[in-house]
């Protein structure tokens, strides 16, 4: 009997170790599907956009100025 080919997920993705339970579980199946890479790319872009927005806002309103410490 042959095994079902659910997709292959490497042990490390971008230098981060992926636990066996994740690789073999439902999340691993989602990541290995055709929609998985698009989902990961979108999540990374959203996280980076939020980080950039927070950096810009902190430069406009430094915490010391908001607290009246200057």
C-alpha atoms as a PDB file:
ATOM      1  CA  UNK A   1       0.000   0.000   0.000  1.00  0.00           C
ATOM      2  CA  UNK A   2       1.224   3.463  -0.762  1.00  0.00           C
ATOM      3  CA  UNK A   3       1.014   6.413   1.553  1.00  0.00           C
ATOM      4  CA  UNK A   4      -1.223   9.347   0.829  1.00  0.00           C
ATOM      5  CA  UNK A   5       0.816  12.322  -0.270  1.00  0.00           C
ATOM      6  CA  UNK A   6      -0.587  15.147   1.892  1.00  0.00           C
ATOM      7  CA  UNK A   7       2.184  17.503   0.925  1.00  0.00           C
ATOM      8  CA  UNK A   8       5.662  17.982   2.202  1.00  0.00           C
ATOM      9  CA  UNK A   9       6.597  20.417   4.921  1.00  0.00           C
ATOM     10  CA  UNK A  10      10.276  20.788   5.766  1.00  0.00           C
ATOM     11  CA  UNK A  11      11.572  20.580   9.333  1.00  0.00           C
ATOM     12  CA  UNK A  12      12.721  24.192   9.107  1.00  0.00           C
ATOM     13  CA  UNK A  13      11.072  27.110   7.370  1.00  0.00           C
ATOM     14  CA  UNK A  14      13.130  30.312   7.126  1.00  0.00           C
ATOM     15  CA  UNK A  15      15.445  28.997   9.828  1.00  0.00           C
ATOM     16  CA  UNK A  16      12.603  28.327  12.283  1.00  0.00           C
ATOM     17  CA  UNK A  17      12.076  24.752  13.424  1.00  0.00           C
ATOM     18  CA  UNK A  18       8.561  23.464  12.724  1.00  0.00           C
ATOM     19  CA  UNK A  19       7.459  20.892  15.326  1.00  0.00           C
ATOM     20  CA  UNK A  20       6.430  17.451  14.089  1.00  0.00           C
ATOM     21  CA  UNK A  21       2.950  17.879  15.570  1.00  0.00           C
ATOM     22  CA  UNK A  22       2.445  20.984  13.416  1.00  0.00           C
ATOM     23  CA  UNK A  23       3.883  19.404  10.257  1.00  0.00           C
ATOM     24  CA  UNK A  24       1.643  16.354  10.556  1.00  0.00           C
ATOM     25  CA  UNK A  25      -1.462  18.108  11.895  1.00  0.00           C
ATOM     26  CA  UNK A  26      -4.220  20.137  10.257  1.00  0.00           C
ATOM     27  CA  UNK A  27      -2.109  23.303  10.278  1.00  0.00           C
ATOM     28  CA  UNK A  28       0.615  21.473   8.364  1.00  0.00           C
ATOM     29  CA  UNK A  29      -1.904  20.387   5.759  1.00  0.00           C
ATOM     30  CA  UNK A  30      -3.048  23.986   5.338  1.00  0.00           C
ATOM     31  CA  UNK A  31       0.510  25.285   4.979  1.00  0.00           C
ATOM     32  CA  UNK A  32       1.376  22.521   2.495  1.00  0.00           C
ATOM     33  CA  UNK A  33      -1.696  23.264   0.368  1.00  0.00           C
ATOM     34  CA  UNK A  34      -1.656  25.640  -2.572  1.00  0.00           C
ATOM     35  CA  UNK A  35      -3.179  28.421  -0.439  1.00  0.00           C
ATOM     36  CA  UNK A  36      -0.600  28.029   2.341  1.00  0.00           C
ATOM     37  CA  UNK A  37       2.265  30.094   0.907  1.00  0.00           C
ATOM     38  CA  UNK A  38      -0.140  32.901  -0.041  1.00  0.00           C
ATOM     39  CA  UNK A  39      -1.568  32.897   3.485  1.00  0.00           C
ATOM     40  CA  UNK A  40       1.906  33.085   5.036  1.00  0.00           C
ATOM     41  CA  UNK A  41       2.989  35.893   2.685  1.00  0.00           C
ATOM     42  CA  UNK A  42      -0.125  37.906   3.472  1.00  0.00           C
ATOM     43  CA  UNK A  43       0.354  37.471   7.224  1.00  0.00           C
ATOM     44  CA  UNK A  44       3.984  38.613   6.985  1.00  0.00           C
ATOM     45  CA  UNK A  45       2.992  41.681   4.952  1.00  0.00           C
ATOM     46  CA  UNK A  46       0.276  42.642   7.453  1.00  0.00           C
ATOM     47  CA  UNK A  47       2.660  42.251  10.392  1.00  0.00           C
ATOM     48  CA  UNK A  48       5.331  44.356   8.680  1.00  0.00           C
ATOM     49  CA  UNK A  49       2.816  47.074   7.753  1.00  0.00           C
ATOM     50  CA  UNK A  50       1.698  47.298  11.385  1.00  0.00           C
ATOM     51  CA  UNK A  51       5.312  47.506  12.538  1.00  0.00           C
ATOM     52  CA  UNK A  52       6.041  50.342  10.088  1.00  0.00           C
ATOM     53  CA  UNK A  53       2.874  52.184  11.158  1.00  0.00           C
ATOM     54  CA  UNK A  54       3.838  51.884  14.841  1.00  0.00           C
ATOM     55  CA  UNK A  55       7.367  53.151  14.094  1.00  0.00           C
ATOM     56  CA  UNK A  56       6.032  56.202  12.236  1.00  0.00           C
ATOM     57  CA  UNK A  57       3.545  57.006  14.998  1.00  0.00           C
ATOM     58  CA  UNK A  58       6.208  56.706  17.703  1.00  0.00           C
ATOM     59  CA  UNK A  59       8.438  59.168  15.824  1.00  0.00           C
ATOM     60  CA  UNK A  60       5.575  61.679  15.591  1.00  0.00           C
ATOM     61  CA  UNK A  61       4.580  61.359  19.250  1.00  0.00           C
ATOM     62  CA  UNK A  62       7.518  60.288  21.422  1.00  0.00           C
ATOM     63  CA  UNK A  63       6.422  58.955  24.830  1.00  0.00           C
ATOM     64  CA  UNK A  64       8.288  61.737  26.720  1.00  0.00           C
ATOM     65  CA  UNK A  65       6.416  64.446  24.798  1.00  0.00           C
ATOM     66  CA  UNK A  66       3.037  62.794  25.379  1.00  0.00           C
ATOM     67  CA  UNK A  67       3.680  62.552  29.133  1.00  0.00           C
ATOM     68  CA  UNK A  68       4.827  66.180  29.339  1.00  0.00           C
ATOM     69  CA  UNK A  69       8.300  65.221  30.567  1.00  0.00           C
ATOM     70  CA  UNK A  70      10.248  67.484  28.205  1.00  0.00           C
END
